[in-house]
Amino acid sequence: MHEEAPRLRRLLDRAAICDLLAEFVHCLDDKDFTGYAALFTEDGVLRRPGAEHRGRAGLAEFVAADLGRYHRTHHLSANHQVRVDGDRATSRSSMYAVHLRSADPTDWWSVGGRYDHTYRCVDTTWLIRTVDITPVWVGEGP
């Protein structure tokens, strides 16, 4: 029985992290940038090509300045590979994001690549410590 308890804990932690990843993209698509920032630790770091933000403070404004200009976005995070080690964890997932420039559904650009996250469990809640966004390809509508 004692071996099952750690395995169960890892499964529960993995499920919580997968839920966190879903919330991560839902907040972006809902333009809930304050909710997005709340998913990070106080010292969290967001890195994307050409830009980096450190700390939860100001993160909502940083992301809003980038994604808030789009009519709509549609982000997907899939193929989650999560590794839990005590109160720390890492994940790699596939990323696909579509950005509508206007209400015209043919006026879009998209990017595919990966998300690499690190996490910290703070008071029984998993939070994002770092995220690195690595684009692999880009495309756009006609």
N, C-alpha and C. Protein backbone atom coordinates (compact mmCIF):
# COMPACT_ATOMS: atom_id res chain seq x y z
N MET A 1 0.82 -1.20 0.00
CA MET A 1 0.00 0.00 0.00
C MET A 1 0.86 1.26 0.00
N HIS A 2 1.98 1.23 0.70
CA HIS A 2 2.81 2.44 0.78
C HIS A 2 3.37 2.87 -0.56
N GLU A 3 3.55 1.92 -1.50
CA GLU A 3 4.03 2.29 -2.84
C GLU A 3 2.93 2.94 -3.66
N GLU A 4 1.68 2.61 -3.41
CA GLU A 4 0.58 3.18 -4.17
C GLU A 4 0.34 4.64 -3.84
N ALA A 5 0.58 5.04 -2.61
CA ALA A 5 0.34 6.43 -2.21
C ALA A 5 1.21 7.41 -3.01
N PRO A 6 2.53 7.20 -3.16
CA PRO A 6 3.33 8.11 -3.99
C PRO A 6 2.90 8.10 -5.46
N ARG A 7 2.53 6.94 -5.98
CA ARG A 7 2.07 6.87 -7.37
C ARG A 7 0.78 7.65 -7.55
N LEU A 8 -0.13 7.51 -6.60
CA LEU A 8 -1.38 8.25 -6.65
C LEU A 8 -1.11 9.75 -6.57
N ARG A 9 -0.20 10.16 -5.69
CA ARG A 9 0.15 11.58 -5.55
C ARG A 9 0.68 12.12 -6.88
N ARG A 10 1.58 11.35 -7.54
CA ARG A 10 2.12 11.78 -8.84
C ARG A 10 1.02 11.92 -9.89
N LEU A 11 0.07 10.98 -9.90
CA LEU A 11 -1.05 11.06 -10.85
C LEU A 11 -1.93 12.27 -10.58
N LEU A 12 -2.21 12.53 -9.31
CA LEU A 12 -3.01 13.70 -8.95
C LEU A 12 -2.28 14.99 -9.30
N ASP A 13 -0.97 15.02 -9.05
CA ASP A 13 -0.18 16.21 -9.41
C ASP A 13 -0.16 16.41 -10.92
N ARG A 14 0.01 15.32 -11.66
CA ARG A 14 0.03 15.41 -13.12
C ARG A 14 -1.31 15.93 -13.63
N ALA A 15 -2.41 15.44 -13.08
CA ALA A 15 -3.74 15.91 -13.49
C ALA A 15 -3.89 17.40 -13.20
N ALA A 16 -3.42 17.85 -12.05
CA ALA A 16 -3.51 19.27 -11.70
C ALA A 16 -2.69 20.12 -12.66
N ILE A 17 -1.53 19.63 -13.06
CA ILE A 17 -0.68 20.38 -14.00
C ILE A 17 -1.32 20.41 -15.38
N CYS A 18 -1.91 19.32 -15.82
CA CYS A 18 -2.61 19.32 -17.11
C CYS A 18 -3.79 20.29 -17.09
N ASP A 19 -4.50 20.36 -15.96
CA ASP A 19 -5.58 21.35 -15.82
C ASP A 19 -5.01 22.77 -15.88
N LEU A 20 -3.86 22.97 -15.27
CA LEU A 20 -3.20 24.28 -15.30
C LEU A 20 -2.83 24.66 -16.72
N LEU A 21 -2.33 23.70 -17.50
CA LEU A 21 -2.01 23.97 -18.90
C LEU A 21 -3.25 24.34 -19.71
N ALA A 22 -4.37 23.69 -19.43
CA ALA A 22 -5.62 24.04 -20.11
C ALA A 22 -6.04 25.46 -19.73
N GLU A 23 -5.95 25.79 -18.46
CA GLU A 23 -6.32 27.15 -18.01
C GLU A 23 -5.39 28.19 -18.63
N PHE A 24 -4.12 27.86 -18.77
CA PHE A 24 -3.10 28.71 -19.39
C PHE A 24 -3.55 29.19 -20.77
N VAL A 25 -4.03 28.27 -21.62
CA VAL A 25 -4.46 28.66 -22.96
C VAL A 25 -5.86 29.26 -22.96
N HIS A 26 -6.74 28.79 -22.07
CA HIS A 26 -8.10 29.37 -22.02
C HIS A 26 -8.04 30.84 -21.61
N CYS A 27 -7.19 31.18 -20.66
CA CYS A 27 -7.07 32.58 -20.24
C CYS A 27 -6.61 33.45 -21.41
N LEU A 28 -5.68 32.95 -22.20
CA LEU A 28 -5.22 33.72 -23.36
C LEU A 28 -6.37 33.97 -24.33
N ASP A 29 -7.11 32.91 -24.65
CA ASP A 29 -8.19 33.03 -25.64
C ASP A 29 -9.37 33.84 -25.12
N ASP A 30 -9.57 33.85 -23.80
CA ASP A 30 -10.64 34.66 -23.19
C ASP A 30 -10.19 36.10 -22.91
N LYS A 31 -8.94 36.40 -23.23
CA LYS A 31 -8.33 37.70 -22.93
C LYS A 31 -8.41 38.01 -21.44
N ASP A 32 -8.32 36.98 -20.63
CA ASP A 32 -8.27 37.12 -19.18
C ASP A 32 -6.80 37.17 -18.77
N PHE A 33 -6.15 38.28 -19.07
CA PHE A 33 -4.72 38.39 -18.84
C PHE A 33 -4.38 38.47 -17.36
N THR A 34 -5.28 38.98 -16.55
CA THR A 34 -5.08 38.98 -15.10
C THR A 34 -5.13 37.55 -14.57
N GLY A 35 -6.10 36.77 -15.04
CA GLY A 35 -6.19 35.36 -14.66
C GLY A 35 -4.98 34.58 -15.14
N TYR A 36 -4.49 34.90 -16.32
CA TYR A 36 -3.29 34.27 -16.86
C TYR A 36 -2.10 34.52 -15.93
N ALA A 37 -1.90 35.77 -15.55
CA ALA A 37 -0.77 36.11 -14.68
C ALA A 37 -0.88 35.40 -13.33
N ALA A 38 -2.09 35.19 -12.85
CA ALA A 38 -2.29 34.53 -11.55
C ALA A 38 -1.87 33.07 -11.58
N LEU A 39 -1.66 32.50 -12.76
CA LEU A 39 -1.23 31.11 -12.88
C LEU A 39 0.27 30.95 -12.62
N PHE A 40 0.98 32.07 -12.50
CA PHE A 40 2.44 32.06 -12.34
C PHE A 40 2.83 32.30 -10.88
N THR A 41 4.01 31.81 -10.53
CA THR A 41 4.59 32.15 -9.23
C THR A 41 4.95 33.63 -9.24
N GLU A 42 5.18 34.19 -8.06
CA GLU A 42 5.55 35.61 -7.97
C GLU A 42 6.81 35.92 -8.78
N ASP A 43 7.74 34.95 -8.86
CA ASP A 43 8.98 35.15 -9.60
C ASP A 43 8.96 34.47 -10.97
N GLY A 44 7.76 34.21 -11.49
CA GLY A 44 7.62 33.50 -12.75
C GLY A 44 8.26 34.23 -13.92
N VAL A 45 8.60 33.46 -14.94
CA VAL A 45 9.26 34.00 -16.14
C VAL A 45 8.55 33.48 -17.38
N LEU A 46 8.25 34.40 -18.30
CA LEU A 46 7.69 34.06 -19.61
C LEU A 46 8.71 34.48 -20.66
N ARG A 47 9.13 33.51 -21.48
CA ARG A 47 10.09 33.80 -22.55
C ARG A 47 9.49 33.38 -23.88
N ARG A 48 9.53 34.30 -24.83
CA ARG A 48 9.16 34.01 -26.20
C ARG A 48 10.22 34.66 -27.08
N PRO A 49 10.32 34.27 -28.33
CA PRO A 49 11.38 34.85 -29.17
C PRO A 49 11.35 36.38 -29.16
N GLY A 50 12.45 36.97 -28.81
CA GLY A 50 12.59 38.41 -28.83
C GLY A 50 12.04 39.14 -27.62
N ALA A 51 11.48 38.43 -26.63
CA ALA A 51 10.92 39.12 -25.47
C ALA A 51 10.92 38.19 -24.26
N GLU A 52 11.05 38.80 -23.10
CA GLU A 52 11.00 38.06 -21.84
C GLU A 52 10.37 38.96 -20.79
N HIS A 53 9.58 38.35 -19.91
CA HIS A 53 9.03 39.08 -18.77
C HIS A 53 9.33 38.28 -17.51
N ARG A 54 9.79 38.98 -16.47
CA ARG A 54 10.12 38.34 -15.19
C ARG A 54 9.19 38.87 -14.12
N GLY A 55 8.60 37.96 -13.37
CA GLY A 55 7.73 38.33 -12.25
C GLY A 55 6.27 38.36 -12.65
N ARG A 56 5.42 38.05 -11.66
CA ARG A 56 3.97 38.11 -11.90
C ARG A 56 3.52 39.56 -12.11
N ALA A 57 4.12 40.47 -11.36
CA ALA A 57 3.76 41.89 -11.48
C ALA A 57 4.04 42.36 -12.91
N GLY A 58 3.05 42.94 -13.54
CA GLY A 58 3.18 43.46 -14.89
C GLY A 58 3.01 42.43 -15.99
N LEU A 59 2.87 41.17 -15.63
CA LEU A 59 2.74 40.12 -16.65
C LEU A 59 1.45 40.27 -17.45
N ALA A 60 0.36 40.58 -16.79
CA ALA A 60 -0.92 40.75 -17.50
C ALA A 60 -0.79 41.84 -18.57
N GLU A 61 -0.19 42.95 -18.23
CA GLU A 61 -0.02 44.05 -19.18
C GLU A 61 0.92 43.66 -20.32
N PHE A 62 1.97 42.92 -19.99
CA PHE A 62 2.94 42.46 -20.99
C PHE A 62 2.25 41.58 -22.04
N VAL A 63 1.44 40.63 -21.59
CA VAL A 63 0.76 39.70 -22.51
C VAL A 63 -0.36 40.43 -23.26
N ALA A 64 -1.07 41.32 -22.57
CA ALA A 64 -2.14 42.09 -23.22
C ALA A 64 -1.60 42.95 -24.35
N ALA A 65 -0.41 43.52 -24.17
CA ALA A 65 0.19 44.35 -25.21
C ALA A 65 0.47 43.54 -26.48
N ASP A 66 0.74 42.25 -26.31
CA ASP A 66 1.02 41.39 -27.45
C ASP A 66 -0.26 40.79 -28.03
N LEU A 67 -1.04 40.11 -27.21
CA LEU A 67 -2.21 39.37 -27.72
C LEU A 67 -3.51 40.16 -27.70
N GLY A 68 -3.58 41.20 -26.92
CA GLY A 68 -4.80 41.98 -26.81
C GLY A 68 -5.21 42.69 -28.09
N ARG A 69 -4.29 42.85 -28.99
CA ARG A 69 -4.58 43.56 -30.25
C ARG A 69 -5.34 42.69 -31.26
N TYR A 70 -5.39 41.38 -31.02
CA TYR A 70 -6.05 40.49 -31.97
C TYR A 70 -7.55 40.41 -31.69
N HIS A 71 -8.31 40.25 -32.77
CA HIS A 71 -9.77 40.09 -32.62
C HIS A 71 -10.07 38.87 -31.77
N ARG A 72 -9.45 37.76 -32.09
CA ARG A 72 -9.60 36.51 -31.33
C ARG A 72 -8.29 35.73 -31.46
N THR A 73 -8.08 34.82 -30.52
CA THR A 73 -6.98 33.85 -30.64
C THR A 73 -7.53 32.47 -30.30
N HIS A 74 -6.80 31.47 -30.75
CA HIS A 74 -7.16 30.08 -30.44
C HIS A 74 -5.85 29.32 -30.18
N HIS A 75 -5.59 29.05 -28.91
CA HIS A 75 -4.37 28.36 -28.50
C HIS A 75 -4.67 26.92 -28.10
N LEU A 76 -3.81 26.01 -28.51
CA LEU A 76 -3.90 24.62 -28.11
C LEU A 76 -2.58 24.19 -27.49
N SER A 77 -2.68 23.41 -26.45
CA SER A 77 -1.52 22.77 -25.83
C SER A 77 -1.86 21.29 -25.77
N ALA A 78 -1.03 20.45 -26.40
CA ALA A 78 -1.35 19.03 -26.50
C ALA A 78 -0.09 18.19 -26.29
N ASN A 79 -0.31 16.88 -26.22
CA ASN A 79 0.80 15.93 -26.06
C ASN A 79 1.65 16.27 -24.83
N HIS A 80 0.98 16.47 -23.71
CA HIS A 80 1.65 16.87 -22.48
C HIS A 80 2.55 15.76 -21.95
N GLN A 81 3.80 16.10 -21.80
CA GLN A 81 4.77 15.19 -21.19
C GLN A 81 5.17 15.84 -19.86
N VAL A 82 4.60 15.35 -18.77
CA VAL A 82 4.75 15.96 -17.45
C VAL A 82 5.62 15.06 -16.58
N ARG A 83 6.58 15.68 -15.91
CA ARG A 83 7.42 14.97 -14.94
C ARG A 83 7.35 15.69 -13.61
N VAL A 84 6.94 14.97 -12.58
CA VAL A 84 6.79 15.54 -11.23
C VAL A 84 7.90 15.02 -10.34
N ASP A 85 8.51 15.92 -9.59
CA ASP A 85 9.55 15.55 -8.63
C ASP A 85 9.31 16.34 -7.35
N GLY A 86 8.51 15.77 -6.45
CA GLY A 86 8.19 16.46 -5.20
C GLY A 86 7.32 17.67 -5.46
N ASP A 87 7.81 18.86 -5.03
CA ASP A 87 7.05 20.09 -5.23
C ASP A 87 7.50 20.86 -6.47
N ARG A 88 8.23 20.19 -7.34
CA ARG A 88 8.69 20.77 -8.61
C ARG A 88 8.22 19.85 -9.74
N ALA A 89 8.07 20.43 -10.92
CA ALA A 89 7.68 19.63 -12.08
C ALA A 89 8.11 20.34 -13.35
N THR A 90 8.15 19.58 -14.43
CA THR A 90 8.44 20.13 -15.76
C THR A 90 7.45 19.53 -16.74
N SER A 91 7.26 20.22 -17.85
CA SER A 91 6.46 19.65 -18.93
C SER A 91 6.94 20.20 -20.26
N ARG A 92 6.71 19.39 -21.28
CA ARG A 92 6.87 19.82 -22.66
C ARG A 92 5.57 19.47 -23.35
N SER A 93 5.06 20.39 -24.15
CA SER A 93 3.82 20.12 -24.88
C SER A 93 3.89 20.77 -26.26
N SER A 94 3.08 20.25 -27.14
CA SER A 94 2.97 20.84 -28.48
C SER A 94 2.09 22.07 -28.38
N MET A 95 2.45 23.09 -29.15
CA MET A 95 1.72 24.35 -29.15
C MET A 95 1.24 24.66 -30.57
N TYR A 96 -0.01 25.08 -30.64
CA TYR A 96 -0.59 25.54 -31.91
C TYR A 96 -1.45 26.75 -31.57
N ALA A 97 -1.20 27.87 -32.23
CA ALA A 97 -1.93 29.09 -31.92
C ALA A 97 -2.33 29.81 -33.20
N VAL A 98 -3.60 30.19 -33.28
CA VAL A 98 -4.14 30.94 -34.41
C VAL A 98 -4.53 32.32 -33.90
N HIS A 99 -4.18 33.35 -34.66
CA HIS A 99 -4.44 34.74 -34.28
C HIS A 99 -5.26 35.40 -35.38
N LEU A 100 -6.50 35.78 -35.07
CA LEU A 100 -7.35 36.49 -36.04
C LEU A 100 -7.09 37.98 -35.93
N ARG A 101 -6.66 38.59 -37.05
CA ARG A 101 -6.36 40.02 -37.04
C ARG A 101 -7.63 40.87 -37.02
N SER A 102 -8.73 40.30 -37.54
CA SER A 102 -9.99 41.03 -37.62
C SER A 102 -11.14 40.03 -37.49
N ALA A 103 -12.36 40.53 -37.65
CA ALA A 103 -13.53 39.64 -37.59
C ALA A 103 -13.62 38.72 -38.81
N ASP A 104 -12.87 39.02 -39.86
CA ASP A 104 -12.83 38.18 -41.06
C ASP A 104 -12.07 36.89 -40.73
N PRO A 105 -12.74 35.73 -40.77
CA PRO A 105 -12.08 34.48 -40.38
C PRO A 105 -10.96 34.03 -41.33
N THR A 106 -10.79 34.71 -42.47
CA THR A 106 -9.69 34.36 -43.36
C THR A 106 -8.46 35.23 -43.12
N ASP A 107 -8.57 36.18 -42.21
CA ASP A 107 -7.49 37.11 -41.91
C ASP A 107 -6.76 36.65 -40.64
N TRP A 108 -5.89 35.64 -40.80
CA TRP A 108 -5.25 35.02 -39.64
C TRP A 108 -3.79 34.73 -39.92
N TRP A 109 -3.07 34.51 -38.84
CA TRP A 109 -1.74 33.91 -38.91
C TRP A 109 -1.66 32.89 -37.78
N SER A 110 -0.82 31.89 -37.97
CA SER A 110 -0.71 30.84 -36.95
C SER A 110 0.76 30.47 -36.73
N VAL A 111 0.96 29.82 -35.61
CA VAL A 111 2.30 29.38 -35.24
C VAL A 111 2.19 28.02 -34.56
N GLY A 112 3.13 27.16 -34.83
CA GLY A 112 3.20 25.87 -34.16
C GLY A 112 4.58 25.68 -33.58
N GLY A 113 4.65 24.95 -32.51
CA GLY A 113 5.94 24.70 -31.88
C GLY A 113 5.75 23.99 -30.57
N ARG A 114 6.43 24.47 -29.54
CA ARG A 114 6.31 23.80 -28.24
C ARG A 114 6.35 24.80 -27.09
N TYR A 115 5.77 24.34 -26.00
CA TYR A 115 5.85 25.01 -24.71
C TYR A 115 6.72 24.14 -23.81
N ASP A 116 7.67 24.74 -23.15
CA ASP A 116 8.43 24.08 -22.09
C ASP A 116 8.15 24.85 -20.80
N HIS A 117 7.59 24.15 -19.82
CA HIS A 117 7.21 24.75 -18.55
C HIS A 117 8.00 24.14 -17.40
N THR A 118 8.23 24.95 -16.38
CA THR A 118 8.60 24.43 -15.07
C THR A 118 7.54 24.92 -14.10
N TYR A 119 7.34 24.15 -13.02
CA TYR A 119 6.28 24.45 -12.06
C TYR A 119 6.81 24.33 -10.65
N ARG A 120 6.10 24.99 -9.75
CA ARG A 120 6.36 24.86 -8.33
C ARG A 120 5.02 24.70 -7.63
N CYS A 121 4.94 23.80 -6.67
CA CYS A 121 3.74 23.64 -5.88
C CYS A 121 3.85 24.57 -4.68
N VAL A 122 2.91 25.51 -4.59
CA VAL A 122 2.90 26.51 -3.52
C VAL A 122 1.62 26.34 -2.72
N ASP A 123 1.76 25.98 -1.46
CA ASP A 123 0.58 25.77 -0.60
C ASP A 123 -0.45 24.85 -1.25
N THR A 124 -0.02 23.73 -1.76
CA THR A 124 -0.82 22.68 -2.41
C THR A 124 -1.37 23.06 -3.79
N THR A 125 -0.97 24.20 -4.33
CA THR A 125 -1.43 24.62 -5.65
C THR A 125 -0.25 24.68 -6.61
N TRP A 126 -0.38 24.01 -7.75
CA TRP A 126 0.67 24.08 -8.77
C TRP A 126 0.58 25.40 -9.52
N LEU A 127 1.73 26.06 -9.67
CA LEU A 127 1.83 27.32 -10.40
C LEU A 127 2.97 27.21 -11.39
N ILE A 128 2.90 28.02 -12.43
CA ILE A 128 3.95 28.06 -13.46
C ILE A 128 5.12 28.88 -12.93
N ARG A 129 6.31 28.31 -12.99
CA ARG A 129 7.53 29.04 -12.62
C ARG A 129 8.15 29.66 -13.87
N THR A 130 8.26 28.88 -14.95
CA THR A 130 8.79 29.41 -16.21
C THR A 130 8.01 28.80 -17.37
N VAL A 131 7.94 29.55 -18.45
CA VAL A 131 7.46 29.00 -19.72
C VAL A 131 8.35 29.55 -20.82
N ASP A 132 8.80 28.64 -21.66
CA ASP A 132 9.58 29.00 -22.85
C ASP A 132 8.76 28.59 -24.05
N ILE A 133 8.50 29.56 -24.93
CA ILE A 133 7.72 29.32 -26.15
C ILE A 133 8.71 29.22 -27.31
N THR A 134 8.71 28.08 -27.98
CA THR A 134 9.63 27.85 -29.09
C THR A 134 8.83 27.59 -30.36
N PRO A 135 8.76 28.59 -31.26
CA PRO A 135 8.08 28.37 -32.53
C PRO A 135 8.90 27.45 -33.43
N VAL A 136 8.20 26.62 -34.20
CA VAL A 136 8.85 25.76 -35.18
C VAL A 136 8.44 26.17 -36.60
N TRP A 137 7.21 26.62 -36.74
CA TRP A 137 6.71 27.04 -38.05
C TRP A 137 5.67 28.16 -37.87
N VAL A 138 5.46 28.92 -38.94
CA VAL A 138 4.39 29.93 -38.97
C VAL A 138 3.68 29.84 -40.31
N GLY A 139 2.44 30.30 -40.33
CA GLY A 139 1.67 30.32 -41.58
C GLY A 139 0.61 31.41 -41.47
N GLU A 140 -0.04 31.70 -42.60
CA GLU A 140 -1.13 32.68 -42.56
C GLU A 140 -2.15 32.41 -43.64
N GLY A 141 -3.33 33.01 -43.41
CA GLY A 141 -4.43 32.84 -44.35
C GLY A 141 -4.12 33.45 -45.71
N PRO A 142 -4.97 33.16 -46.67
CA PRO A 142 -4.72 33.63 -48.05
C PRO A 142 -4.62 35.14 -48.18
